[in-house]
Amino acid sequence: MTSVILSQEASSIPTRTYSYSSRPRAVQIKKHYPRSTVTSDLEDGPVRYGNLMYDRRVVRGNTYAAQTLPWLFDFDLEVIPVVQVLVGKCIEQACLEVTEEEELANLHAHQIAYQELRNAEIAEMQRLEARERRHKEEKERRKAQQAETKLLQSAVSEKVGARAFALQYLSNLIPAVFNSLQRKGFYYDQILREVEHGFLPYVINGIDLRIEKRMLGRIMTDCKLIE
């Protein structure tokens, strides 16, 4: 049984379509394998091959060499279709990879353009929403101002009407009340009041005192004359 040595590059990450973890090599030609050796190799466990494109050989006798007659098999002629197929497959795979890369690039560019367009639309939508919100706030503020102005105008109108009614009502009431208060003595002339309440009582008291003195003198004189 053929033994395969794993390469140190087996753990590396493949970066191409077909990657090998070990370099392909020709199978050594051996005429005989002891039966016991093959059986012991099979019983040891599965063999791990480093080459991903390498298939396990099935040993069926002496299959390690082939002899073809020139008149039976022309290698140079027969290998042309195989080479053409391989080259065609490689070219097709390369074209597919290039097309895929172009499609990915176009898709990425389309995604970027779509994202930019979406961001622009979102920004425009936010701007319109902000403008609509400002208009709504301005409208509400104008309504509040108009309502406040109407209330102020109504209050001013009520005050003006109340003042006019009060003036009309008091136009005849004030003179009557003033005359009534004046008659009752609430409104008086200061000089006249001082004369009436200050000077005249003093004069009257002085006159009364003199009259009393005279009367007393006369009475005393009459009493003396009678004696």
C-alpha atoms as a PDB file:
ATOM      1  CA  MET A   1       0.000   0.000   0.000  1.00  0.00           C
ATOM      2  CA  THR A   2       1.216   3.459  -0.876  1.00  0.00           C
ATOM      3  CA  SER A   3       2.019   5.708   2.059  1.00  0.00           C
ATOM      4  CA  VAL A   4       1.418   9.459   1.837  1.00  0.00           C
ATOM      5  CA  ILE A   5       3.386  12.012   3.854  1.00  0.00           C
ATOM      6  CA  LEU A   6       1.297  14.985   4.960  1.00  0.00           C
ATOM      7  CA  SER A   7       2.708  18.356   4.082  1.00  0.00           C
ATOM      8  CA  GLN A   8       3.182  21.187   6.551  1.00  0.00           C
ATOM      9  CA  GLU A   9       0.984  23.338   4.338  1.00  0.00           C
ATOM     10  CA  ALA A  10      -2.099  21.149   4.980  1.00  0.00           C
ATOM     11  CA  SER A  11      -3.456  23.530   7.607  1.00  0.00           C
ATOM     12  CA  SER A  12      -3.124  26.617   5.417  1.00  0.00           C
ATOM     13  CA  ILE A  13      -6.304  28.237   4.126  1.00  0.00           C
ATOM     14  CA  PRO A  14      -6.851  27.709   0.353  1.00  0.00           C
ATOM     15  CA  THR A  15      -6.932  30.892  -1.660  1.00  0.00           C
ATOM     16  CA  ARG A  16      -7.472  29.409  -5.133  1.00  0.00           C
ATOM     17  CA  THR A  17     -10.058  27.189  -6.741  1.00  0.00           C
ATOM     18  CA  TYR A  18      -7.844  24.083  -6.559  1.00  0.00           C
ATOM     19  CA  SER A  19      -5.313  24.049  -3.735  1.00  0.00           C
ATOM     20  CA  TYR A  20      -3.074  21.193  -2.696  1.00  0.00           C
ATOM     21  CA  SER A  21      -1.817  20.546   0.780  1.00  0.00           C
ATOM     22  CA  SER A  22       1.004  18.371  -0.596  1.00  0.00           C
ATOM     23  CA  ARG A  23       2.741  18.261  -3.913  1.00  0.00           C
ATOM     24  CA  PRO A  24       1.607  15.431  -6.229  1.00  0.00           C
ATOM     25  CA  ARG A  25       4.241  12.792  -6.845  1.00  0.00           C
ATOM     26  CA  ALA A  26       4.502   9.638  -8.897  1.00  0.00           C
ATOM     27  CA  VAL A  27       3.689   6.284  -7.331  1.00  0.00           C
ATOM     28  CA  GLN A  28       6.675   4.041  -6.858  1.00  0.00           C
ATOM     29  CA  ILE A  29       6.597   0.821  -8.819  1.00  0.00           C
ATOM     30  CA  LYS A  30       6.791  -2.258  -6.659  1.00  0.00           C
ATOM     31  CA  LYS A  31       6.140  -5.688  -8.044  1.00  0.00           C
ATOM     32  CA  HIS A  32       5.153  -7.505  -4.908  1.00  0.00           C
ATOM     33  CA  TYR A  33       3.487  -6.610  -1.617  1.00  0.00           C
ATOM     34  CA  PRO A  34       3.302  -9.189   1.105  1.00  0.00           C
ATOM     35  CA  ARG A  35      -0.242 -10.020   2.039  1.00  0.00           C
ATOM     36  CA  SER A  36       0.463  -9.548   5.676  1.00  0.00           C
ATOM     37  CA  THR A  37       1.805  -5.997   5.124  1.00  0.00           C
ATOM     38  CA  VAL A  38      -1.284  -4.883   3.210  1.00  0.00           C
ATOM     39  CA  THR A  39      -3.578  -6.405   5.813  1.00  0.00           C
ATOM     40  CA  SER A  40      -1.669  -4.793   8.667  1.00  0.00           C
ATOM     41  CA  ASP A  41      -1.765  -1.398   6.920  1.00  0.00           C
ATOM     42  CA  LEU A  42      -5.533  -1.677   6.429  1.00  0.00           C
ATOM     43  CA  GLU A  43      -6.096  -2.689   9.998  1.00  0.00           C
ATOM     44  CA  ASP A  44      -4.087   0.253  11.368  1.00  0.00           C
ATOM     45  CA  GLY A  45      -6.868   2.698  10.431  1.00  0.00           C
ATOM     46  CA  PRO A  46      -7.805   5.100   7.624  1.00  0.00           C
ATOM     47  CA  VAL A  47      -4.984   6.790   5.818  1.00  0.00           C
ATOM     48  CA  ARG A  48      -5.045  10.586   5.756  1.00  0.00           C
ATOM     49  CA  TYR A  49      -3.951  11.913   2.392  1.00  0.00           C
ATOM     50  CA  GLY A  50      -2.487  15.373   2.090  1.00  0.00           C
ATOM     51  CA  ASN A  51      -3.379  15.783  -1.585  1.00  0.00           C
ATOM     52  CA  LEU A  52      -7.020  16.790  -1.955  1.00  0.00           C
ATOM     53  CA  MET A  53      -7.137  15.573  -5.563  1.00  0.00           C
ATOM     54  CA  TYR A  54      -5.507  12.227  -4.801  1.00  0.00           C
ATOM     55  CA  ASP A  55      -7.711   9.133  -4.779  1.00  0.00           C
ATOM     56  CA  ARG A  56      -6.763   6.021  -2.923  1.00  0.00           C
ATOM     57  CA  ARG A  57      -5.435   3.403  -5.282  1.00  0.00           C
ATOM     58  CA  VAL A  58      -6.985  -0.012  -5.379  1.00  0.00           C
ATOM     59  CA  VAL A  59      -4.344  -2.682  -5.619  1.00  0.00           C
ATOM     60  CA  ARG A  60      -5.298  -5.334  -8.162  1.00  0.00           C
ATOM     61  CA  GLY A  61      -2.118  -7.094  -9.004  1.00  0.00           C
ATOM     62  CA  ASN A  62       0.592  -5.447 -11.000  1.00  0.00           C
ATOM     63  CA  THR A  63      -1.116  -2.160 -12.015  1.00  0.00           C
ATOM     64  CA  TYR A  64       1.808   0.160 -11.569  1.00  0.00           C
ATOM     65  CA  ALA A  65       2.914   0.112 -15.176  1.00  0.00           C
ATOM     66  CA  ALA A  66       1.198   0.105 -18.539  1.00  0.00           C
ATOM     67  CA  GLN A  67       2.418  -0.703 -21.996  1.00  0.00           C
ATOM     68  CA  THR A  68       0.604   0.641 -25.032  1.00  0.00           C
ATOM     69  CA  LEU A  69       1.414  -0.280 -28.579  1.00  0.00           C
ATOM     70  CA  PRO A  70       1.996   2.655 -30.930  1.00  0.00           C
ATOM     71  CA  TRP A  71      -0.332   1.263 -33.555  1.00  0.00           C
ATOM     72  CA  LEU A  72      -3.020   0.679 -30.900  1.00  0.00           C
ATOM     73  CA  PHE A  73      -2.856   3.971 -28.949  1.00  0.00           C
ATOM     74  CA  ASP A  74      -1.315   7.224 -30.177  1.00  0.00           C
ATOM     75  CA  PHE A  75      -0.794   9.303 -27.041  1.00  0.00           C
ATOM     76  CA  ASP A  76      -0.067  12.594 -28.842  1.00  0.00           C
ATOM     77  CA  LEU A  77      -3.262  12.269 -30.828  1.00  0.00           C
ATOM     78  CA  GLU A  78      -5.499  10.894 -28.116  1.00  0.00           C
ATOM     79  CA  VAL A  79      -4.404  13.409 -25.496  1.00  0.00           C
ATOM     80  CA  ILE A  80      -5.547  16.435 -27.556  1.00  0.00           C
ATOM     81  CA  PRO A  81      -9.276  16.164 -26.637  1.00  0.00           C
ATOM     82  CA  VAL A  82      -8.392  15.639 -22.984  1.00  0.00           C
ATOM     83  CA  VAL A  83      -6.092  18.657 -23.003  1.00  0.00           C
ATOM     84  CA  GLN A  84      -8.728  20.683 -24.824  1.00  0.00           C
ATOM     85  CA  VAL A  85     -11.312  19.705 -22.226  1.00  0.00           C
ATOM     86  CA  LEU A  86      -8.940  20.560 -19.373  1.00  0.00           C
ATOM     87  CA  VAL A  87      -7.971  23.877 -20.942  1.00  0.00           C
ATOM     88  CA  GLY A  88     -11.618  24.626 -21.682  1.00  0.00           C
ATOM     89  CA  LYS A  89     -12.574  23.809 -18.113  1.00  0.00           C
ATOM     90  CA  CYS A  90      -9.778  26.017 -16.777  1.00  0.00           C
ATOM     91  CA  ILE A  91     -10.751  28.874 -19.083  1.00  0.00           C
ATOM     92  CA  GLU A  92     -14.416  28.421 -18.205  1.00  0.00           C
ATOM     93  CA  GLN A  93     -13.584  28.392 -14.494  1.00  0.00           C
ATOM     94  CA  ALA A  94     -11.419  31.490 -14.919  1.00  0.00           C
ATOM     95  CA  CYS A  95     -14.176  33.247 -16.860  1.00  0.00           C
ATOM     96  CA  LEU A  96     -16.689  32.268 -14.198  1.00  0.00           C
ATOM     97  CA  GLU A  97     -14.415  33.610 -11.485  1.00  0.00           C
ATOM     98  CA  VAL A  98     -13.821  36.854 -13.389  1.00  0.00           C
ATOM     99  CA  THR A  99     -17.547  37.196 -14.055  1.00  0.00           C
ATOM    100  CA  GLU A 100     -18.271  36.492 -10.421  1.00  0.00           C
ATOM    101  CA  GLU A 101     -15.744  39.109  -9.341  1.00  0.00           C
ATOM    102  CA  GLU A 102     -17.257  41.633 -11.750  1.00  0.00           C
ATOM    103  CA  GLU A 103     -20.754  40.798 -10.539  1.00  0.00           C
ATOM    104  CA  LEU A 104     -19.615  41.132  -6.934  1.00  0.00           C
ATOM    105  CA  ALA A 105     -17.974  44.470  -7.733  1.00  0.00           C
ATOM    106  CA  ASN A 106     -21.111  45.654  -9.529  1.00  0.00           C
ATOM    107  CA  LEU A 107     -23.254  44.414  -6.653  1.00  0.00           C
ATOM    108  CA  HIS A 108     -21.017  46.193  -4.159  1.00  0.00           C
ATOM    109  CA  ALA A 109     -21.165  49.400  -6.206  1.00  0.00           C
ATOM    110  CA  HIS A 110     -24.935  49.023  -6.499  1.00  0.00           C
ATOM    111  CA  GLN A 111     -25.193  48.493  -2.756  1.00  0.00           C
ATOM    112  CA  ILE A 112     -23.063  51.583  -2.115  1.00  0.00           C
ATOM    113  CA  ALA A 113     -25.174  53.650  -4.520  1.00  0.00           C
ATOM    114  CA  TYR A 114     -28.368  52.285  -2.983  1.00  0.00           C
ATOM    115  CA  GLN A 115     -27.082  53.040   0.521  1.00  0.00           C
ATOM    116  CA  GLU A 116     -26.133  56.583  -0.501  1.00  0.00           C
ATOM    117  CA  LEU A 117     -29.538  57.067  -2.128  1.00  0.00           C
ATOM    118  CA  ARG A 118     -31.248  55.639   0.938  1.00  0.00           C
ATOM    119  CA  ASN A 119     -29.226  57.900   3.237  1.00  0.00           C
ATOM    120  CA  ALA A 120     -30.119  60.888   1.072  1.00  0.00           C
ATOM    121  CA  GLU A 121     -33.793  59.909   1.126  1.00  0.00           C
ATOM    122  CA  ILE A 122     -33.667  59.439   4.906  1.00  0.00           C
ATOM    123  CA  ALA A 123     -31.999  62.840   5.320  1.00  0.00           C
ATOM    124  CA  GLU A 124     -34.587  64.445   3.045  1.00  0.00           C
ATOM    125  CA  MET A 125     -37.396  62.722   4.937  1.00  0.00           C
ATOM    126  CA  GLN A 126     -35.966  63.913   8.249  1.00  0.00           C
ATOM    127  CA  ARG A 127     -35.651  67.435   6.859  1.00  0.00           C
ATOM    128  CA  LEU A 128     -39.259  67.377   5.657  1.00  0.00           C
ATOM    129  CA  GLU A 129     -40.421  65.988   8.997  1.00  0.00           C
ATOM    130  CA  ALA A 130     -38.498  68.707  10.835  1.00  0.00           C
ATOM    131  CA  ARG A 131     -39.993  71.378   8.575  1.00  0.00           C
ATOM    132  CA  GLU A 132     -43.477  69.941   9.037  1.00  0.00           C
ATOM    133  CA  ARG A 133     -42.930  69.856  12.796  1.00  0.00           C
ATOM    134  CA  ARG A 134     -41.746  73.476  12.778  1.00  0.00           C
ATOM    135  CA  HIS A 135     -44.759  74.504  10.705  1.00  0.00           C
ATOM    136  CA  LYS A 136     -47.068  72.684  13.085  1.00  0.00           C
ATOM    137  CA  GLU A 137     -45.437  74.277  16.126  1.00  0.00           C
ATOM    138  CA  GLU A 138     -45.616  77.703  14.464  1.00  0.00           C
ATOM    139  CA  LYS A 139     -49.287  77.118  13.632  1.00  0.00           C
ATOM    140  CA  GLU A 140     -50.061  76.089  17.204  1.00  0.00           C
ATOM    141  CA  ARG A 141     -48.154  79.109  18.513  1.00  0.00           C
ATOM    142  CA  ARG A 142     -50.038  81.439  16.182  1.00  0.00           C
ATOM    143  CA  LYS A 143     -53.337  79.899  17.300  1.00  0.00           C
ATOM    144  CA  ALA A 144     -52.372  80.395  20.939  1.00  0.00           C
ATOM    145  CA  GLN A 145     -51.371  84.003  20.228  1.00  0.00           C
ATOM    146  CA  GLN A 146     -54.638  84.629  18.384  1.00  0.00           C
ATOM    147  CA  ALA A 147     -56.654  83.126  21.241  1.00  0.00           C
ATOM    148  CA  GLU A 148     -54.710  85.215  23.758  1.00  0.00           C
ATOM    149  CA  THR A 149     -55.254  88.336  21.637  1.00  0.00           C
ATOM    150  CA  LYS A 150     -58.987  87.629  21.474  1.00  0.00           C
ATOM    151  CA  LEU A 151     -59.098  87.200  25.240  1.00  0.00           C
ATOM    152  CA  LEU A 152     -57.231  90.482  25.734  1.00  0.00           C
ATOM    153  CA  GLN A 153     -59.521  92.270  23.289  1.00  0.00           C
ATOM    154  CA  SER A 154     -62.568  90.841  25.039  1.00  0.00           C
ATOM    155  CA  ALA A 155     -61.220  91.907  28.436  1.00  0.00           C
ATOM    156  CA  VAL A 156     -60.422  95.400  27.120  1.00  0.00           C
ATOM    157  CA  SER A 157     -63.878  95.667  25.549  1.00  0.00           C
ATOM    158  CA  GLU A 158     -65.483  94.618  28.816  1.00  0.00           C
ATOM    159  CA  LYS A 159     -63.389  97.144  30.735  1.00  0.00           C
ATOM    160  CA  VAL A 160     -64.247  99.927  28.276  1.00  0.00           C
ATOM    161  CA  GLY A 161     -67.945  99.058  28.459  1.00  0.00           C
ATOM    162  CA  ALA A 162     -67.843  98.909  32.247  1.00  0.00           C
ATOM    163  CA  ARG A 163     -66.048 102.263  32.373  1.00  0.00           C
ATOM    164  CA  ALA A 164     -68.558 103.871  30.011  1.00  0.00           C
ATOM    165  CA  PHE A 165     -71.477 102.449  32.000  1.00  0.00           C
ATOM    166  CA  ALA A 166     -69.914 103.598  35.268  1.00  0.00           C
ATOM    167  CA  LEU A 167     -69.315 107.090  33.894  1.00  0.00           C
ATOM    168  CA  GLN A 168     -72.869 107.291  32.593  1.00  0.00           C
ATOM    169  CA  TYR A 169     -74.262 106.008  35.872  1.00  0.00           C
ATOM    170  CA  LEU A 170     -72.102 108.280  37.990  1.00  0.00           C
ATOM    171  CA  SER A 171     -72.637 111.368  35.843  1.00  0.00           C
ATOM    172  CA  ASN A 172     -75.881 112.098  37.739  1.00  0.00           C
ATOM    173  CA  LEU A 173     -74.996 110.299  40.935  1.00  0.00           C
ATOM    174  CA  ILE A 174     -71.832 112.177  41.762  1.00  0.00           C
ATOM    175  CA  PRO A 175     -73.404 115.667  42.005  1.00  0.00           C
ATOM    176  CA  ALA A 176     -76.287 114.328  44.091  1.00  0.00           C
ATOM    177  CA  VAL A 177     -73.978 112.484  46.439  1.00  0.00           C
ATOM    178  CA  PHE A 178     -71.639 115.441  46.640  1.00  0.00           C
ATOM    179  CA  ASN A 179     -74.512 117.793  47.485  1.00  0.00           C
ATOM    180  CA  SER A 180     -75.849 115.348  50.057  1.00  0.00           C
ATOM    181  CA  LEU A 181     -72.458 115.013  51.701  1.00  0.00           C
ATOM    182  CA  GLN A 182     -72.007 118.751  51.603  1.00  0.00           C
ATOM    183  CA  ARG A 183     -75.375 119.256  53.269  1.00  0.00           C
ATOM    184  CA  LYS A 184     -74.462 116.740  55.936  1.00  0.00           C
ATOM    185  CA  GLY A 185     -71.245 118.577  56.651  1.00  0.00           C
ATOM    186  CA  PHE A 186     -68.730 116.228  55.152  1.00  0.00           C
ATOM    187  CA  TYR A 187     -67.528 118.925  52.754  1.00  0.00           C
ATOM    188  CA  TYR A 188     -67.017 122.417  54.312  1.00  0.00           C
ATOM    189  CA  ASP A 189     -65.032 125.626  53.978  1.00  0.00           C
ATOM    190  CA  GLN A 190     -62.009 125.564  56.215  1.00  0.00           C
ATOM    191  CA  ILE A 191     -62.107 129.279  57.098  1.00  0.00           C
ATOM    192  CA  LEU A 192     -65.844 129.243  57.658  1.00  0.00           C
ATOM    193  CA  ARG A 193     -65.545 126.159  59.813  1.00  0.00           C
ATOM    194  CA  GLU A 194     -62.766 127.754  61.880  1.00  0.00           C
ATOM    195  CA  VAL A 195     -64.851 130.888  62.287  1.00  0.00           C
ATOM    196  CA  GLU A 196     -67.948 128.929  63.262  1.00  0.00           C
ATOM    197  CA  HIS A 197     -66.288 126.445  65.572  1.00  0.00           C
ATOM    198  CA  GLY A 198     -63.299 128.443  66.814  1.00  0.00           C
ATOM    199  CA  PHE A 199     -63.788 132.180  66.691  1.00  0.00           C
ATOM    200  CA  LEU A 200     -67.519 132.590  67.246  1.00  0.00           C
ATOM    201  CA  PRO A 201     -67.693 130.324  70.339  1.00  0.00           C
ATOM    202  CA  TYR A 202     -64.807 132.283  71.845  1.00  0.00           C
ATOM    203  CA  VAL A 203     -66.502 135.602  71.201  1.00  0.00           C
ATOM    204  CA  ILE A 204     -69.845 134.344  72.496  1.00  0.00           C
ATOM    205  CA  ASN A 205     -68.241 132.971  75.648  1.00  0.00           C
ATOM    206  CA  GLY A 206     -66.474 136.298  76.235  1.00  0.00           C
ATOM    207  CA  ILE A 207     -69.717 138.203  75.748  1.00  0.00           C
ATOM    208  CA  ASP A 208     -71.566 135.841  78.096  1.00  0.00           C
ATOM    209  CA  LEU A 209     -68.855 136.299  80.702  1.00  0.00           C
ATOM    210  CA  ARG A 210     -69.076 140.083  80.485  1.00  0.00           C
ATOM    211  CA  ILE A 211     -72.857 140.016  80.649  1.00  0.00           C
ATOM    212  CA  GLU A 212     -72.692 137.809  83.723  1.00  0.00           C
ATOM    213  CA  LYS A 213     -70.214 140.216  85.325  1.00  0.00           C
ATOM    214  CA  ARG A 214     -72.466 143.166  84.580  1.00  0.00           C
ATOM    215  CA  MET A 215     -75.482 141.353  85.891  1.00  0.00           C
ATOM    216  CA  LEU A 216     -73.574 140.438  89.015  1.00  0.00           C
ATOM    217  CA  GLY A 217     -72.479 144.108  89.437  1.00  0.00           C
ATOM    218  CA  ARG A 218     -76.041 145.323  89.048  1.00  0.00           C
ATOM    219  CA  ILE A 219     -77.318 142.780  91.515  1.00  0.00           C
ATOM    220  CA  MET A 220     -74.690 143.810  94.004  1.00  0.00           C
ATOM    221  CA  THR A 221     -75.526 147.487  93.429  1.00  0.00           C
ATOM    222  CA  ASP A 222     -79.231 146.818  93.902  1.00  0.00           C
ATOM    223  CA  CYS A 223     -78.505 144.971  97.127  1.00  0.00           C
ATOM    224  CA  LYS A 224     -76.459 147.865  98.466  1.00  0.00           C
ATOM    225  CA  LEU A 225     -79.152 150.347  97.509  1.00  0.00           C
ATOM    226  CA  ILE A 226     -81.840 148.329  99.251  1.00  0.00           C
ATOM    227  CA  GLU A 227     -79.824 148.218 102.457  1.00  0.00           C
END
